[in-house]
Amino acid sequence: MRLAQLHNHDWLTWNTWPAGGATLQGLRANAGVHYPAATCMNLDDTSLVERAAVEEAAMEWAHGKFLNAMASSSEPREKEFRHITCRWLRFAGRLQEPARPSTPHQAELDAYCR
């Protein structure tokens, strides 16, 4: 995804947020992850992104040159990057997630629901 497109998405505008809206702090926190995600993952406009690529980028970002001097550990930064980036890519339809194993007794559940 091009960096110029980050601020042009409709989902970043105020009118698309749920009824209470988003706080300025929340918007800044998300933007603080979207930009590094787009740059360090070298995203293009169309290709899917594997979960492993997000994991790798999260580690690089949490241990990289943009460390916060106040941060006591890189683990919360890595978790935040992974969470926000996966939600963003999932919303955009770009996250390629691994196939989930079927639920035990899925055939019986499907038959019951019909």
Protein backbone atom coordinates (compact mmCIF):
# COMPACT_ATOMS: atom_id res chain seq x y z
CA MET A 1 0.00 0.00 0.00
CA ARG A 2 1.39 3.38 -0.88
CA LEU A 3 2.09 5.73 1.99
CA ALA A 4 -0.01 8.43 0.35
CA GLN A 5 -3.02 6.12 0.57
CA LEU A 6 -2.75 5.79 4.35
CA HIS A 7 -4.35 9.15 5.01
CA ASN A 8 -6.84 8.91 2.13
CA HIS A 9 -8.74 5.85 3.38
CA ASP A 10 -12.36 6.44 4.33
CA TRP A 11 -11.93 4.30 7.43
CA LEU A 12 -9.53 6.86 8.88
CA THR A 13 -12.07 9.67 8.76
CA TRP A 14 -14.13 10.67 11.77
CA ASN A 15 -17.50 9.77 10.25
CA THR A 16 -16.67 6.07 9.98
CA TRP A 17 -15.91 5.53 13.66
CA PRO A 18 -18.55 3.95 15.88
CA ALA A 19 -20.98 6.17 17.82
CA GLY A 20 -18.65 7.55 20.53
CA GLY A 21 -15.84 8.11 18.09
CA ALA A 22 -12.18 7.51 18.60
CA THR A 23 -9.98 9.46 20.93
CA LEU A 24 -7.16 11.55 19.59
CA GLN A 25 -4.77 9.39 21.59
CA GLY A 26 -6.16 6.23 19.96
CA LEU A 27 -5.83 7.70 16.48
CA ARG A 28 -2.25 8.75 17.16
CA ALA A 29 -1.37 5.32 18.55
CA ASN A 30 -2.78 3.57 15.47
CA ALA A 31 -1.11 6.01 13.07
CA GLY A 32 2.14 5.47 14.94
CA VAL A 33 1.94 1.82 13.94
CA HIS A 34 0.40 2.11 10.45
CA TYR A 35 3.22 4.24 9.07
CA PRO A 36 6.08 2.02 10.32
CA ALA A 37 4.15 -1.06 9.18
CA ALA A 38 3.81 0.32 5.68
CA THR A 39 7.45 1.36 5.49
CA CYS A 40 9.27 -1.53 7.14
CA MET A 41 7.09 -4.19 5.49
CA ASN A 42 7.45 -2.53 2.08
CA LEU A 43 3.75 -2.96 1.30
CA ASP A 44 2.41 -2.60 -2.23
CA ASP A 45 -1.15 -1.93 -3.37
CA THR A 46 -2.55 -5.41 -3.87
CA SER A 47 -0.57 -8.34 -2.54
CA LEU A 48 -1.59 -10.35 0.51
CA VAL A 49 0.57 -10.21 3.61
CA GLU A 50 1.34 -13.38 5.53
CA ARG A 51 1.08 -13.44 9.31
CA ALA A 52 4.75 -14.47 9.51
CA ALA A 53 5.76 -11.22 7.78
CA VAL A 54 3.81 -9.24 10.39
CA GLU A 55 5.52 -11.20 13.18
CA GLU A 56 8.96 -10.47 11.70
CA ALA A 57 8.18 -6.77 11.25
CA ALA A 58 6.86 -6.56 14.82
CA MET A 59 10.13 -7.91 16.16
CA GLU A 60 12.16 -5.51 14.03
CA TRP A 61 10.02 -2.55 15.09
CA ALA A 62 10.06 -3.41 18.79
CA HIS A 63 13.84 -3.88 18.87
CA GLY A 64 14.71 -1.33 16.20
CA LYS A 65 15.98 2.20 16.09
CA PHE A 66 12.69 3.81 17.11
CA LEU A 67 12.84 2.58 20.68
CA ASN A 68 11.08 4.65 23.30
CA ALA A 69 13.44 5.54 26.13
CA MET A 70 10.58 5.18 28.61
CA ALA A 71 9.71 1.64 27.50
CA SER A 72 10.81 -0.99 30.00
CA SER A 73 10.38 -3.91 27.62
CA SER A 74 10.03 -4.47 23.90
CA GLU A 75 7.33 -7.13 24.36
CA PRO A 76 4.39 -4.66 24.73
CA ARG A 77 5.60 -2.74 21.66
CA GLU A 78 5.81 -5.93 19.64
CA LYS A 79 2.35 -7.03 20.76
CA GLU A 80 0.85 -3.61 19.95
CA PHE A 81 2.43 -3.55 16.48
CA ARG A 82 1.20 -7.07 15.74
CA HIS A 83 -2.33 -6.36 17.00
CA ILE A 84 -2.86 -3.05 15.18
CA THR A 85 -1.20 -4.17 11.95
CA CYS A 86 -3.16 -7.42 11.76
CA ARG A 87 -6.45 -5.60 12.38
CA TRP A 88 -5.56 -3.03 9.72
CA LEU A 89 -4.57 -5.64 7.13
CA ARG A 90 -7.58 -7.84 7.97
CA PHE A 91 -9.91 -4.85 7.50
CA ALA A 92 -8.30 -4.11 4.15
CA GLY A 93 -8.66 -7.77 3.12
CA ARG A 94 -4.90 -8.15 2.82
CA LEU A 95 -4.01 -10.43 5.73
CA GLN A 96 -3.37 -14.01 4.69
CA GLU A 97 -4.12 -15.98 7.82
CA PRO A 98 -3.30 -19.66 8.29
CA ALA A 99 -6.21 -22.06 7.95
CA ARG A 100 -7.85 -22.78 11.27
CA PRO A 101 -8.40 -26.36 12.32
CA SER A 102 -12.02 -27.41 12.20
CA THR A 103 -14.04 -27.41 15.38
CA PRO A 104 -14.53 -30.81 17.00
CA HIS A 105 -17.85 -32.29 15.86
CA GLN A 106 -18.17 -29.68 13.09
CA ALA A 107 -20.21 -32.04 10.89
CA GLU A 108 -22.76 -32.54 13.67
CA LEU A 109 -22.95 -28.78 14.29
CA ASP A 110 -23.51 -28.10 10.58
CA ALA A 111 -26.23 -30.74 10.41
CA TYR A 112 -27.96 -29.29 13.47
CA CYS A 113 -27.90 -25.75 12.06
CA ARG A 114 -29.58 -26.80 8.79
